[in-house]
Amino acid sequence: MRADRAVSDVRVLACADRMYTRSQVDALSAGLAATLARRGVQAGHRVALMSSNRPEFVFAVRAIWRLGASAVLISPSWKAGDVGRALEVAHVDRMHIVTPPSRILGVLNIATVLDTGAWMRLHRRFVLDTMPQHIQSDRITAEIAVAPIVLTIASHPELEKFDLPSLRYIMWCATPVTASVADEMTRRTGVGWISAYGTSEVPVIAAVTTTEDVGADELDALIADRLASDKRPRDIVFVPEIPRLPSGKALRRVLKEQYGRTSDQ
């Protein structure tokens, strides 16, 4: 009994001049868990959590886990638009897995489904007619696709014959969206788009088409209002054209070399 009391009184968390013992962390986490439960949080739910580095983050995560729910972590540096987009895509419950699990997108989609308690259909390979057929029959709610797949689907001669009202959006991954292809898919299916690609794949932060001259300072101010500090570009360079593959993927190596940088910089 004394050993248990000694363990519970061990300090396990410090932040600035605040100290917490194990028993205090447990008690504060339990109290927050009770509050979340009264507000309807149950096992299998997803709870959005935005917090800086502070003790309350620890209590919140432990409280969410105590209820068997999942914590959806949101950076406190995000702007309102970032948070809105994150919440918009946080309700995925039925998904296709077409990309190979040996690639990051495939395994990430599988892990996401397993972690959130969603449902998935694995495809042995991409077959043009199979995807829209299963979107229709399985009532797929989220389609995660890369450029070659999207280009192929957009060229389907009978795409309009499939009933796709369950599909909330198509998420275009790995490359910036090719506007003409996205517009054609939306015109033929009525489904909108979400763009999702990592910072290692971003050739530019923003592409702007205007009827007036726009300076770097104006773009910098626009970006500052919409992006977290770690996402803002250090330099803005205006180029007449971005070299791309037919799929829409930017040729970063070519772009770098055109402007005096080696491909490994």
Protein backbone atom coordinates (compact mmCIF):
# COMPACT_ATOMS: atom_id res chain seq x y z
CA MET A 1 0.00 0.00 0.00
CA ARG A 2 2.83 2.38 0.88
CA ALA A 3 4.59 1.50 -2.37
CA ASP A 4 1.46 2.35 -4.38
CA ARG A 5 1.13 5.66 -2.55
CA ALA A 6 4.76 6.45 -3.18
CA VAL A 7 4.38 5.79 -6.92
CA SER A 8 1.28 7.98 -7.14
CA ASP A 9 3.10 10.84 -5.44
CA VAL A 10 6.06 10.77 -7.86
CA ARG A 11 6.35 13.93 -9.91
CA VAL A 12 5.88 13.01 -13.57
CA LEU A 13 5.16 16.32 -15.27
CA ALA A 14 6.77 19.74 -15.10
CA CYS A 15 6.00 22.87 -17.11
CA ALA A 16 7.59 26.20 -16.14
CA ASP A 17 6.96 26.44 -12.39
CA ARG A 18 4.04 23.97 -12.38
CA MET A 19 4.60 20.43 -11.10
CA TYR A 20 2.24 17.45 -11.17
CA THR A 21 2.42 14.05 -9.52
CA ARG A 22 1.10 10.91 -11.14
CA SER A 23 -2.01 10.97 -8.98
CA GLN A 24 -2.70 14.59 -9.92
CA VAL A 25 -2.35 13.84 -13.63
CA ASP A 26 -4.69 10.86 -13.24
CA ALA A 27 -7.25 12.90 -11.30
CA LEU A 28 -7.24 15.83 -13.72
CA SER A 29 -7.48 13.49 -16.72
CA ALA A 30 -10.37 11.59 -15.10
CA GLY A 31 -12.22 14.84 -14.37
CA LEU A 32 -11.88 15.99 -17.98
CA ALA A 33 -12.92 12.54 -19.22
CA ALA A 34 -16.11 12.80 -17.14
CA THR A 35 -16.85 16.22 -18.67
CA LEU A 36 -16.30 14.89 -22.20
CA ALA A 37 -18.53 11.89 -21.47
CA ARG A 38 -21.34 14.19 -20.31
CA ARG A 39 -20.98 16.03 -23.61
CA GLY A 40 -21.49 12.81 -25.53
CA VAL A 41 -17.96 11.59 -26.29
CA GLN A 42 -17.89 7.79 -26.55
CA ALA A 43 -15.55 5.00 -27.62
CA GLY A 44 -14.76 5.27 -31.32
CA HIS A 45 -15.42 9.01 -31.51
CA ARG A 46 -12.83 11.49 -32.78
CA VAL A 47 -12.14 14.57 -30.69
CA ALA A 48 -10.33 17.56 -32.20
CA LEU A 49 -7.64 18.92 -29.88
CA MET A 50 -5.81 22.21 -30.39
CA SER A 51 -3.27 23.06 -27.73
CA SER A 52 0.18 24.53 -27.28
CA ASN A 53 2.85 22.75 -25.18
CA ARG A 54 1.16 22.87 -21.79
CA PRO A 55 0.06 20.40 -19.10
CA GLU A 56 -3.56 20.58 -20.20
CA PHE A 57 -2.59 18.89 -23.47
CA VAL A 58 -1.45 15.83 -21.51
CA PHE A 59 -4.65 15.78 -19.47
CA ALA A 60 -6.79 16.13 -22.58
CA VAL A 61 -5.10 13.32 -24.51
CA ARG A 62 -5.33 10.97 -21.51
CA ALA A 63 -8.98 11.91 -21.00
CA ILE A 64 -9.82 11.18 -24.63
CA TRP A 65 -8.02 7.85 -24.49
CA ARG A 66 -9.77 6.88 -21.23
CA LEU A 67 -13.05 7.05 -23.13
CA GLY A 68 -11.74 4.91 -26.00
CA ALA A 69 -11.89 7.89 -28.38
CA SER A 70 -9.20 9.19 -30.76
CA ALA A 71 -7.50 12.56 -30.45
CA VAL A 72 -7.34 14.49 -33.73
CA LEU A 73 -4.40 16.83 -33.14
CA ILE A 74 -4.61 20.33 -34.64
CA SER A 75 -1.64 22.70 -34.59
CA PRO A 76 -2.30 25.93 -32.64
CA SER A 77 -0.40 27.78 -35.37
CA TRP A 78 -3.06 26.92 -37.96
CA LYS A 79 -5.28 29.64 -39.36
CA ALA A 80 -9.08 29.37 -39.41
CA GLY A 81 -9.00 28.06 -42.98
CA ASP A 82 -6.58 25.27 -42.04
CA VAL A 83 -8.78 24.19 -39.15
CA GLY A 84 -11.91 24.30 -41.29
CA ARG A 85 -10.36 22.05 -43.93
CA ALA A 86 -9.13 19.60 -41.28
CA LEU A 87 -12.57 19.34 -39.71
CA GLU A 88 -14.17 19.03 -43.13
CA VAL A 89 -12.25 15.84 -43.88
CA ALA A 90 -12.48 14.36 -40.38
CA HIS A 91 -15.67 12.39 -41.06
CA VAL A 92 -14.40 9.74 -43.45
CA ASP A 93 -16.19 6.40 -42.97
CA ARG A 94 -15.97 4.46 -46.28
CA MET A 95 -12.89 4.52 -48.48
CA HIS A 96 -11.25 2.85 -51.48
CA ILE A 97 -7.60 1.73 -51.23
CA VAL A 98 -6.17 1.55 -54.75
CA THR A 99 -2.59 2.75 -54.32
CA PRO A 100 -0.11 -0.01 -53.36
CA PRO A 101 0.43 -0.45 -49.59
CA SER A 102 4.17 -0.48 -50.26
CA ARG A 103 3.86 3.26 -50.95
CA ILE A 104 3.24 5.85 -48.28
CA LEU A 105 -0.21 6.88 -49.53
CA GLY A 106 -1.46 3.29 -49.55
CA VAL A 107 -0.26 2.41 -46.06
CA LEU A 108 -1.34 5.82 -44.72
CA ASN A 109 -4.89 5.31 -45.99
CA ILE A 110 -5.05 1.82 -44.50
CA ALA A 111 -3.71 3.04 -41.15
CA THR A 112 -6.20 5.93 -41.15
CA VAL A 113 -9.14 3.59 -41.71
CA LEU A 114 -7.99 1.19 -38.98
CA ASP A 115 -7.32 3.98 -36.51
CA THR A 116 -10.65 5.74 -36.99
CA GLY A 117 -12.85 2.65 -37.19
CA ALA A 118 -13.87 3.35 -40.78
CA TRP A 119 -14.53 0.82 -43.59
CA MET A 120 -12.36 0.12 -46.62
CA ARG A 121 -12.30 -1.87 -49.84
CA LEU A 122 -8.89 -3.01 -51.05
CA HIS A 123 -8.37 -3.24 -54.80
CA ARG A 124 -5.74 -5.63 -56.18
CA ARG A 125 -5.00 -3.10 -58.90
CA PHE A 126 -6.58 -0.10 -60.54
CA VAL A 127 -9.22 -1.05 -63.12
CA LEU A 128 -11.08 1.79 -64.81
CA ASP A 129 -14.62 0.39 -64.55
CA THR A 130 -14.14 -1.13 -61.10
CA MET A 131 -13.67 2.09 -59.16
CA PRO A 132 -16.88 3.94 -60.13
CA GLN A 133 -18.84 0.69 -59.85
CA HIS A 134 -17.69 0.18 -56.27
CA ILE A 135 -18.14 3.83 -55.35
CA GLN A 136 -21.76 3.29 -56.34
CA SER A 137 -22.31 -0.13 -54.75
CA ASP A 138 -20.23 0.39 -51.58
CA ARG A 139 -21.49 3.95 -51.03
CA ILE A 140 -17.91 5.20 -50.79
CA THR A 141 -17.75 8.59 -49.06
CA ALA A 142 -14.11 9.63 -49.69
CA GLU A 143 -11.96 8.94 -52.75
CA ILE A 144 -8.20 9.36 -52.31
CA ALA A 145 -6.49 9.50 -55.69
CA VAL A 146 -3.23 10.41 -57.40
CA ALA A 147 -2.92 12.20 -60.72
CA PRO A 148 -2.62 9.16 -63.09
CA ILE A 149 -5.77 7.62 -61.60
CA VAL A 150 -7.70 10.88 -61.78
CA LEU A 151 -6.67 11.45 -65.40
CA THR A 152 -7.86 7.96 -66.34
CA ILE A 153 -11.21 8.29 -64.56
CA ALA A 154 -11.79 11.71 -66.13
CA SER A 155 -11.53 10.08 -69.55
CA HIS A 156 -14.10 7.35 -68.78
CA PRO A 157 -16.55 7.42 -71.68
CA GLU A 158 -19.57 6.49 -69.53
CA LEU A 159 -18.75 8.13 -66.21
CA GLU A 160 -22.16 9.84 -66.04
CA LYS A 161 -24.00 6.51 -65.88
CA PHE A 162 -22.71 5.79 -62.36
CA ASP A 163 -24.73 6.96 -59.34
CA LEU A 164 -22.20 8.67 -57.01
CA PRO A 165 -24.18 10.79 -54.49
CA SER A 166 -22.46 9.15 -51.49
CA LEU A 167 -19.08 10.58 -52.54
CA ARG A 168 -18.44 13.71 -50.46
CA TYR A 169 -15.19 14.68 -52.15
CA ILE A 170 -12.19 13.48 -54.11
CA MET A 171 -8.84 14.14 -52.44
CA TRP A 172 -6.09 14.77 -55.00
CA CYS A 173 -2.76 13.72 -53.48
CA ALA A 174 0.96 13.85 -54.32
CA THR A 175 0.77 16.70 -56.86
CA PRO A 176 -0.98 20.06 -57.16
CA VAL A 177 -4.43 19.77 -58.70
CA THR A 178 -4.59 20.17 -62.47
CA ALA A 179 -7.49 22.60 -62.73
CA SER A 180 -8.77 21.48 -66.14
CA VAL A 181 -8.99 17.83 -65.08
CA ALA A 182 -10.59 18.68 -61.73
CA ASP A 183 -13.18 20.91 -63.40
CA GLU A 184 -14.02 18.19 -65.91
CA MET A 185 -14.48 15.58 -63.16
CA THR A 186 -16.69 17.91 -61.14
CA ARG A 187 -18.74 18.76 -64.22
CA ARG A 188 -19.34 15.08 -64.98
CA THR A 189 -19.86 13.79 -61.42
CA GLY A 190 -20.90 16.80 -59.32
CA VAL A 191 -18.19 15.92 -56.77
CA GLY A 192 -15.82 18.58 -55.43
CA TRP A 193 -12.11 18.39 -54.67
CA ILE A 194 -9.72 18.66 -51.76
CA SER A 195 -5.99 19.04 -52.41
CA ALA A 196 -3.57 17.22 -50.09
CA TYR A 197 0.13 16.96 -50.70
CA GLY A 198 3.18 17.19 -48.45
CA THR A 199 5.60 20.07 -48.17
CA SER A 200 8.27 17.97 -49.88
CA GLU A 201 6.05 17.98 -52.97
CA VAL A 202 5.15 21.66 -52.99
CA PRO A 203 6.88 23.51 -55.85
CA VAL A 204 5.25 26.82 -54.96
CA ILE A 205 3.13 27.99 -52.05
CA ALA A 206 0.61 29.94 -54.11
CA ALA A 207 -0.23 30.29 -57.79
CA VAL A 208 -1.95 33.59 -58.55
CA THR A 209 -3.54 34.73 -61.80
CA THR A 210 -4.50 38.39 -61.90
CA THR A 211 -5.24 41.11 -64.41
CA GLU A 212 -2.91 43.48 -62.55
CA ASP A 213 0.72 43.31 -61.51
CA VAL A 214 1.19 41.74 -58.09
CA GLY A 215 4.37 42.29 -56.12
CA ALA A 216 6.20 39.97 -53.75
CA ASP A 217 5.25 42.13 -50.76
CA GLU A 218 1.55 41.83 -51.58
CA LEU A 219 1.80 38.06 -51.91
CA ASP A 220 3.79 37.84 -48.69
CA ALA A 221 1.09 39.77 -46.82
CA LEU A 222 -1.63 37.57 -48.33
CA ILE A 223 0.20 34.41 -47.31
CA ALA A 224 0.88 35.68 -43.78
CA ASP A 225 -2.87 36.02 -43.17
CA ARG A 226 -3.59 32.46 -44.29
CA LEU A 227 -0.65 30.21 -43.47
CA ALA A 228 1.18 29.26 -40.30
CA SER A 229 4.69 30.67 -39.97
CA ASP A 230 6.37 27.33 -40.70
CA LYS A 231 4.51 27.06 -44.02
CA ARG A 232 5.43 30.47 -45.40
CA PRO A 233 8.04 30.70 -48.18
CA ARG A 234 11.35 32.37 -47.47
CA ASP A 235 11.53 33.77 -51.00
CA ILE A 236 9.00 34.49 -53.73
CA VAL A 237 10.17 34.12 -57.32
CA PHE A 238 7.97 34.91 -60.31
CA VAL A 239 8.36 32.48 -63.21
CA PRO A 240 6.54 32.42 -66.55
CA GLU A 241 5.82 28.71 -66.37
CA ILE A 242 6.28 25.70 -64.06
CA PRO A 243 7.56 22.61 -65.91
CA ARG A 244 5.31 19.62 -65.32
CA LEU A 245 4.78 16.03 -66.36
CA PRO A 246 1.55 15.22 -68.23
CA SER A 247 0.13 14.00 -64.89
CA GLY A 248 0.53 17.49 -63.43
CA LYS A 249 3.47 16.68 -61.15
CA ALA A 250 5.90 19.59 -61.03
CA LEU A 251 9.44 18.93 -62.25
CA ARG A 252 11.18 20.52 -59.29
CA ARG A 253 14.63 19.42 -60.45
CA VAL A 254 14.17 21.20 -63.77
CA LEU A 255 12.76 24.29 -62.08
CA LYS A 256 15.69 24.49 -59.66
CA GLU A 257 18.26 24.10 -62.39
CA GLN A 258 16.59 26.78 -64.51
CA TYR A 259 17.09 29.26 -61.68
CA GLY A 260 20.69 28.50 -60.73
CA ARG A 261 20.30 25.80 -58.06
CA THR A 262 21.47 22.21 -58.21
CA SER A 263 18.82 19.49 -58.00
CA ASP A 264 19.92 18.45 -54.50
CA GLN A 265 19.51 21.94 -52.99
